Amino acid sequence: MPLLARFWNQSFFIPKSTLTEKNLPDQSGWVFIVTGGYAGCGFQLAKILYQQNGVVYLACRSKDKADKAIKNLQAAHPSSKGRVVFLKVDLADLTTVKPAVDEFTKKESRLDVLTNNAGVMVPPVGSLSAQKHELQVATNVLGPFLLTKLLTPLLEGTAALSDTAPGSVRVTWAGSLGVEVLSPKGGVTLDHEGNYHDHPKNNQRVKYGATKAANVLLAAEFGRRYPPSSGKGVISNAWNPGNLQTELQRHATWYEMLFVNWMLHPAAFGAYTELFAGWSEQAGRAGKNGAYVIPWGRFGDFREDIKAEIGKEGGNAERLWDWCERVTKEYC
């Protein structure tokens, strides 16, 4: 019953967003990175931030798609005093992450919010990353982890600046309804040495759910390792953007789309979820570090078996973080 209640709460009769482009304060002087920002709710989030004069980096693979998105954003808001910039990174290729961070830090001296928005869902069986990891694990987990790790010193430095409001510097991670309905017990499966255990090749949906649960665990573990009380001041949270009409379903079959189409919402609604996680005053409070945000911008919950792994010595959150450290170490 709790699972069914959370599924219903995150899918139907969702309250209106409390933070949108209509009441977001001016973002002049603030700098943001949105991965996968040229499509879907990432693009919609970038649109809101640029509209409010923010500096927005679209961290993506394709320069052509980014250039098109940038032109669309500039045309939609010609009076914006902000900037929107392409930052080339392929989260499925760990060798591209550090060069992207180096390029960013050459241009910018601050980073106020990192939104780990990009992801892939149920690609063809056997799809692998450049480093031969299962594609969903690479794109949804390892790439965002490495990007976040390399940008953490800049996030901490930004939080220490005199013009930075407490709790405004954040890193946010992409969860999904798949956390509830697709992920294995404990969110992810790790072997006795703490290494990520892949699932059978024909079970792409379980793999997807596990990567989304992994982000929930990493968001909480980041919050534990970098608590606001340490003086660093970086808030971490995860979010389920909602069931959206985006490119994320590009690998879904026609009968899967027939089943889910009726419960999908415009991508802009998902941007409101991300906006709440990264920009609302409520999510910036120290007591909300490691929180989970659900559609369209409110605090929610997830399965007890996943929650039990957070903050526990030797739990999945800690062991997953350590595995990500081991796998990405040579790319730092």
Protein backbone atom coordinates (compact mmCIF):
# COMPACT_ATOMS: atom_id res chain seq x y z
CA MET A 1 0.00 0.00 0.00
CA PRO A 2 2.75 2.60 0.73
CA LEU A 3 4.24 1.91 -2.72
CA LEU A 4 0.87 2.34 -4.41
CA ALA A 5 0.25 5.54 -2.47
CA ARG A 6 3.60 7.02 -3.53
CA PHE A 7 3.01 5.98 -7.14
CA TRP A 8 -0.38 7.72 -7.08
CA ASN A 9 1.00 10.78 -5.25
CA GLN A 10 3.74 11.26 -7.85
CA SER A 11 1.58 10.57 -10.92
CA PHE A 12 -1.97 11.88 -10.50
CA PHE A 13 -3.79 14.95 -9.15
CA ILE A 14 -0.47 16.65 -8.56
CA PRO A 15 -0.64 20.09 -6.88
CA LYS A 16 0.32 23.14 -8.92
CA SER A 17 3.93 24.27 -8.84
CA THR A 18 4.75 26.88 -6.23
CA LEU A 19 7.93 28.05 -8.03
CA THR A 20 7.82 28.81 -11.77
CA GLU A 21 9.17 31.35 -14.24
CA LYS A 22 6.45 33.71 -12.96
CA ASN A 23 7.84 34.09 -9.44
CA LEU A 24 11.49 33.01 -9.68
CA PRO A 25 13.64 35.95 -8.52
CA ASP A 26 16.16 37.58 -10.83
CA GLN A 27 19.18 35.32 -11.36
CA SER A 28 21.69 37.96 -12.49
CA GLY A 29 25.23 37.10 -11.48
CA TRP A 30 24.52 33.44 -10.80
CA VAL A 31 26.05 30.63 -12.87
CA PHE A 32 24.45 27.25 -13.54
CA ILE A 33 25.18 23.98 -15.31
CA VAL A 34 22.33 21.85 -16.66
CA THR A 35 23.41 18.53 -18.15
CA GLY A 36 21.37 17.48 -21.16
CA GLY A 37 20.08 21.04 -21.32
CA TYR A 38 19.23 21.15 -24.99
CA ALA A 39 16.14 18.93 -24.77
CA GLY A 40 13.27 17.93 -22.50
CA CYS A 41 12.89 19.36 -19.03
CA GLY A 42 16.58 20.35 -19.01
CA PHE A 43 15.89 22.72 -21.89
CA GLN A 44 12.79 24.03 -20.14
CA LEU A 45 14.80 24.64 -16.95
CA ALA A 46 17.51 26.45 -18.93
CA LYS A 47 14.79 28.59 -20.53
CA ILE A 48 13.47 29.68 -17.14
CA LEU A 49 16.94 30.50 -15.80
CA TYR A 50 17.97 32.41 -18.92
CA GLN A 51 14.69 34.29 -18.90
CA GLN A 52 15.59 35.49 -15.41
CA ASN A 53 19.05 36.68 -16.52
CA GLY A 54 21.09 33.70 -15.32
CA VAL A 55 24.24 32.35 -16.93
CA VAL A 56 23.39 28.83 -18.07
CA TYR A 57 25.81 26.22 -19.39
CA LEU A 58 24.24 23.43 -21.43
CA ALA A 59 26.50 20.45 -20.72
CA CYS A 60 25.81 18.13 -23.64
CA ARG A 61 27.32 15.93 -26.34
CA SER A 62 26.09 17.58 -29.52
CA LYS A 63 27.22 21.08 -30.42
CA ASP A 64 24.69 21.24 -33.26
CA LYS A 65 21.77 20.49 -30.93
CA ALA A 66 23.13 22.88 -28.33
CA ASP A 67 23.55 25.68 -30.87
CA LYS A 68 19.97 25.17 -32.01
CA ALA A 69 18.73 25.24 -28.41
CA ILE A 70 20.75 28.38 -27.68
CA LYS A 71 19.26 30.18 -30.69
CA ASN A 72 15.77 29.17 -29.56
CA LEU A 73 16.40 30.43 -26.03
CA GLN A 74 17.82 33.73 -27.24
CA ALA A 75 14.93 34.21 -29.65
CA ALA A 76 12.37 33.44 -26.93
CA HIS A 77 13.91 35.96 -24.50
CA PRO A 78 15.76 38.64 -26.47
CA SER A 79 15.81 41.03 -23.52
CA SER A 80 17.63 38.63 -21.19
CA LYS A 81 20.82 39.99 -19.66
CA GLY A 82 22.07 36.46 -19.05
CA ARG A 83 24.15 34.11 -21.18
CA VAL A 84 23.62 30.59 -22.42
CA VAL A 85 26.74 28.62 -23.32
CA PHE A 86 27.51 25.18 -24.76
CA LEU A 87 29.80 22.99 -22.64
CA LYS A 88 30.86 19.85 -24.46
CA VAL A 89 30.72 16.70 -22.34
CA ASP A 90 29.62 13.13 -23.03
CA LEU A 91 28.60 11.49 -19.77
CA ALA A 92 28.97 8.10 -21.46
CA ASP A 93 32.67 8.82 -22.00
CA LEU A 94 34.50 9.55 -18.76
CA THR A 95 37.52 10.96 -20.63
CA THR A 96 35.42 14.00 -21.64
CA VAL A 97 34.41 15.04 -18.13
CA LYS A 98 37.61 16.59 -16.79
CA PRO A 99 38.28 18.58 -19.99
CA ALA A 100 34.74 19.97 -19.70
CA VAL A 101 35.34 20.97 -16.07
CA ASP A 102 38.68 22.54 -17.00
CA GLU A 103 37.00 24.50 -19.78
CA PHE A 104 34.26 25.68 -17.45
CA THR A 105 36.64 26.79 -14.68
CA LYS A 106 38.69 28.77 -17.20
CA LYS A 107 35.60 30.80 -18.02
CA GLU A 108 33.81 31.00 -14.67
CA SER A 109 34.88 31.67 -11.09
CA ARG A 110 31.67 30.39 -9.50
CA LEU A 111 29.00 27.69 -9.86
CA ASP A 112 25.76 28.17 -7.98
CA VAL A 113 23.72 25.12 -9.01
CA LEU A 114 24.69 21.94 -10.82
CA THR A 115 21.61 20.11 -12.14
CA ASN A 116 22.41 16.52 -13.12
CA ASN A 117 19.50 16.29 -15.53
CA ALA A 118 20.81 14.20 -18.44
CA GLY A 119 19.99 10.51 -18.67
CA VAL A 120 19.15 7.58 -20.89
CA MET A 121 16.33 5.07 -20.45
CA VAL A 122 16.11 1.45 -21.70
CA PRO A 123 18.51 1.71 -24.67
CA PRO A 124 18.92 -1.35 -26.91
CA VAL A 125 20.21 -4.44 -25.13
CA GLY A 126 24.01 -4.52 -25.10
CA SER A 127 24.49 -0.74 -25.34
CA LEU A 128 27.82 0.20 -23.77
CA SER A 129 29.70 3.37 -22.90
CA ALA A 130 33.14 4.31 -24.20
CA GLN A 131 34.65 2.55 -21.18
CA LYS A 132 32.47 -0.56 -21.74
CA HIS A 133 30.10 0.06 -18.86
CA GLU A 134 26.40 -0.61 -19.39
CA LEU A 135 25.16 2.59 -21.02
CA GLN A 136 22.56 3.51 -18.39
CA VAL A 137 25.04 3.01 -15.55
CA ALA A 138 27.60 5.17 -17.31
CA THR A 139 25.28 7.99 -18.42
CA ASN A 140 23.00 8.11 -15.39
CA VAL A 141 25.48 7.36 -12.60
CA LEU A 142 29.22 7.35 -13.34
CA GLY A 143 29.28 10.42 -15.58
CA PRO A 144 27.23 12.61 -13.22
CA PHE A 145 29.23 11.36 -10.23
CA LEU A 146 32.55 12.30 -11.82
CA LEU A 147 31.26 15.66 -13.01
CA THR A 148 29.94 16.44 -9.55
CA LYS A 149 33.13 15.32 -7.83
CA LEU A 150 35.32 17.49 -10.04
CA LEU A 151 33.05 20.52 -9.61
CA THR A 152 32.63 20.16 -5.84
CA PRO A 153 35.60 22.40 -4.95
CA LEU A 154 34.09 25.18 -7.06
CA LEU A 155 30.66 24.66 -5.52
CA GLU A 156 32.22 24.87 -2.05
CA GLY A 157 34.15 27.99 -3.03
CA THR A 158 30.98 29.60 -4.32
CA ALA A 159 29.16 28.81 -1.09
CA ALA A 160 31.89 30.63 0.83
CA LEU A 161 31.58 33.86 -1.17
CA SER A 162 30.23 36.89 0.66
CA ASP A 163 27.47 37.46 -1.91
CA THR A 164 26.13 33.89 -1.68
CA ALA A 165 23.02 33.29 0.39
CA PRO A 166 23.17 30.30 2.77
CA GLY A 167 21.76 27.17 1.15
CA SER A 168 21.65 28.60 -2.37
CA VAL A 169 24.57 26.55 -3.73
CA ARG A 170 23.31 23.11 -4.67
CA VAL A 171 23.87 19.92 -6.62
CA THR A 172 20.76 18.01 -7.66
CA TRP A 173 20.42 14.49 -9.03
CA ALA A 174 17.87 12.87 -11.36
CA GLY A 175 15.67 10.21 -9.87
CA SER A 176 12.49 8.83 -11.42
CA LEU A 177 9.32 6.96 -10.67
CA GLY A 178 11.54 4.00 -11.59
CA VAL A 179 13.07 4.34 -8.13
CA GLU A 180 9.78 3.07 -6.73
CA VAL A 181 8.61 0.56 -9.33
CA LEU A 182 11.70 -0.75 -11.15
CA SER A 183 14.76 -0.74 -8.91
CA PRO A 184 15.89 -3.90 -7.06
CA LYS A 185 15.77 -4.32 -3.28
CA GLY A 186 18.01 -1.75 -1.63
CA GLY A 187 17.97 0.37 -4.79
CA VAL A 188 21.10 -1.12 -6.30
CA THR A 189 22.79 -4.50 -6.14
CA LEU A 190 26.42 -4.59 -5.04
CA ASP A 191 28.64 -7.66 -4.75
CA HIS A 192 30.50 -8.61 -1.57
CA GLU A 193 33.40 -6.31 -2.55
CA GLY A 194 31.09 -3.37 -3.06
CA ASN A 195 31.18 -3.40 -6.85
CA TYR A 196 28.07 -2.53 -8.84
CA HIS A 197 26.32 -5.69 -9.95
CA ASP A 198 24.75 -5.48 -13.38
CA HIS A 199 21.42 -7.14 -14.02
CA PRO A 200 20.60 -9.61 -16.79
CA LYS A 201 21.03 -8.07 -20.22
CA ASN A 202 17.38 -8.50 -21.08
CA ASN A 203 16.21 -6.56 -18.03
CA GLN A 204 16.80 -3.02 -19.22
CA ARG A 205 14.00 -1.64 -17.06
CA VAL A 206 15.48 -2.96 -13.82
CA LYS A 207 18.83 -1.50 -14.89
CA TYR A 208 17.18 1.85 -15.47
CA GLY A 209 15.41 1.78 -12.12
CA ALA A 210 18.67 0.87 -10.38
CA THR A 211 20.48 3.85 -11.91
CA LYS A 212 17.75 6.21 -10.76
CA ALA A 213 17.85 4.74 -7.26
CA ALA A 214 21.62 5.11 -7.39
CA ASN A 215 21.19 8.85 -7.86
CA VAL A 216 18.93 9.01 -4.82
CA LEU A 217 21.60 7.21 -2.81
CA LEU A 218 24.41 9.40 -4.16
CA ALA A 219 22.46 12.58 -3.43
CA ALA A 220 22.01 11.52 0.19
CA GLU A 221 25.61 10.36 0.50
CA PHE A 222 26.89 13.66 -0.90
CA GLY A 223 24.79 15.38 1.76
CA ARG A 224 26.36 13.18 4.44
CA ARG A 225 29.93 13.74 3.25
CA TYR A 226 29.52 17.47 2.63
CA PRO A 227 27.02 18.60 5.29
CA PRO A 228 26.17 22.33 5.50
CA SER A 229 27.31 22.21 9.12
CA SER A 230 30.85 21.59 7.86
CA GLY A 231 30.95 25.19 6.68
CA LYS A 232 31.05 24.19 3.01
CA GLY A 233 27.40 25.08 2.53
CA VAL A 234 26.47 22.89 -0.47
CA ILE A 235 22.98 21.38 -0.47
CA SER A 236 22.38 18.07 -2.27
CA ASN A 237 19.05 16.54 -3.19
CA ALA A 238 17.44 14.20 -5.72
CA TRP A 239 14.16 14.53 -7.59
CA ASN A 240 11.61 12.65 -9.61
CA PRO A 241 10.79 15.12 -12.39
CA GLY A 242 7.49 13.42 -13.13
CA ASN A 243 6.12 11.38 -16.02
CA LEU A 244 7.00 13.57 -18.98
CA GLN A 245 6.77 13.77 -22.75
CA THR A 246 10.48 13.97 -23.62
CA GLU A 247 13.18 12.31 -25.72
CA LEU A 248 13.81 9.96 -22.81
CA GLN A 249 11.22 7.59 -24.28
CA ARG A 250 12.94 7.39 -27.66
CA HIS A 251 13.93 3.75 -27.07
CA ALA A 252 10.50 2.67 -25.83
CA THR A 253 8.40 0.32 -27.95
CA TRP A 254 5.07 1.44 -29.42
CA TYR A 255 3.09 -0.73 -27.03
CA GLU A 256 4.98 0.67 -24.04
CA MET A 257 4.16 4.18 -25.21
CA LEU A 258 0.53 3.15 -25.70
CA PHE A 259 0.46 2.10 -22.06
CA VAL A 260 2.14 5.20 -20.60
CA ASN A 261 1.17 8.03 -22.99
CA TRP A 262 -2.02 8.81 -21.12
CA MET A 263 -0.08 9.65 -17.95
CA LEU A 264 2.61 11.85 -19.50
CA HIS A 265 2.83 15.61 -18.93
CA PRO A 266 4.59 18.48 -20.76
CA ALA A 267 8.33 18.74 -20.13
CA ALA A 268 7.93 22.19 -18.58
CA PHE A 269 6.28 20.57 -15.56
CA GLY A 270 9.42 18.55 -14.92
CA ALA A 271 11.44 21.75 -15.06
CA TYR A 272 9.33 23.05 -12.18
CA THR A 273 10.33 20.01 -10.13
CA GLU A 274 14.00 20.68 -10.86
CA LEU A 275 13.51 24.38 -10.18
CA PHE A 276 12.12 23.64 -6.72
CA ALA A 277 15.05 21.33 -5.94
CA GLY A 278 17.68 23.80 -7.07
CA TRP A 279 16.19 27.22 -6.37
CA SER A 280 13.40 27.17 -3.79
CA GLU A 281 14.04 28.56 -0.32
CA GLN A 282 12.50 25.43 1.22
CA ALA A 283 15.02 23.10 -0.43
CA GLY A 284 17.90 25.32 0.67
CA ARG A 285 17.39 24.71 4.36
CA ALA A 286 20.04 22.61 6.06
CA GLY A 287 17.45 20.16 7.35
CA LYS A 288 16.50 19.35 3.76
CA ASN A 289 20.00 18.30 2.73
CA GLY A 290 19.65 14.91 1.02
CA ALA A 291 15.90 15.37 0.52
CA TYR A 292 13.80 13.90 -2.28
CA VAL A 293 11.67 16.22 -4.39
CA ILE A 294 8.61 14.97 -6.27
CA PRO A 295 6.34 16.53 -8.94
CA TRP A 296 5.91 19.43 -9.41
CA GLY A 297 8.09 20.71 -6.59
CA ARG A 298 7.38 19.35 -3.07
CA PHE A 299 9.13 17.02 -0.68
CA GLY A 300 8.35 13.33 -0.96
CA ASP A 301 9.50 9.89 0.02
CA PHE A 302 10.67 6.63 -1.49
CA ARG A 303 10.80 2.94 -0.59
CA GLU A 304 11.80 1.92 2.92
CA ASP A 305 14.32 -0.66 1.69
CA ILE A 306 16.21 2.10 -0.14
CA LYS A 307 15.91 4.55 2.74
CA ALA A 308 17.40 1.93 5.06
CA GLU A 309 20.65 1.99 3.03
CA ILE A 310 21.23 5.71 3.62
CA GLY A 311 23.50 6.81 6.45
CA LYS A 312 24.18 3.22 7.45
CA GLU A 313 27.79 2.14 7.87
CA GLY A 314 28.44 -0.29 5.04
CA GLY A 315 25.07 0.52 3.48
CA ASN A 316 24.44 0.78 -0.23
CA ALA A 317 24.79 4.57 -0.29
CA GLU A 318 28.29 4.45 1.17
CA ARG A 319 29.38 1.41 -0.84
CA LEU A 320 28.00 2.79 -4.09
CA TRP A 321 29.86 6.06 -3.56
CA ASP A 322 33.08 4.15 -2.91
CA TRP A 323 32.57 2.08 -6.08
CA CYS A 324 32.04 5.23 -8.14
CA GLU A 325 35.24 6.63 -6.63
CA ARG A 326 37.20 3.53 -7.64
CA VAL A 327 35.83 3.39 -11.18
CA THR A 328 36.26 7.10 -11.96
CA LYS A 329 39.57 7.70 -10.13
CA GLU A 330 41.77 7.47 -13.23
CA TYR A 331 39.67 10.12 -15.00
CA CYS A 332 40.03 12.82 -12.32
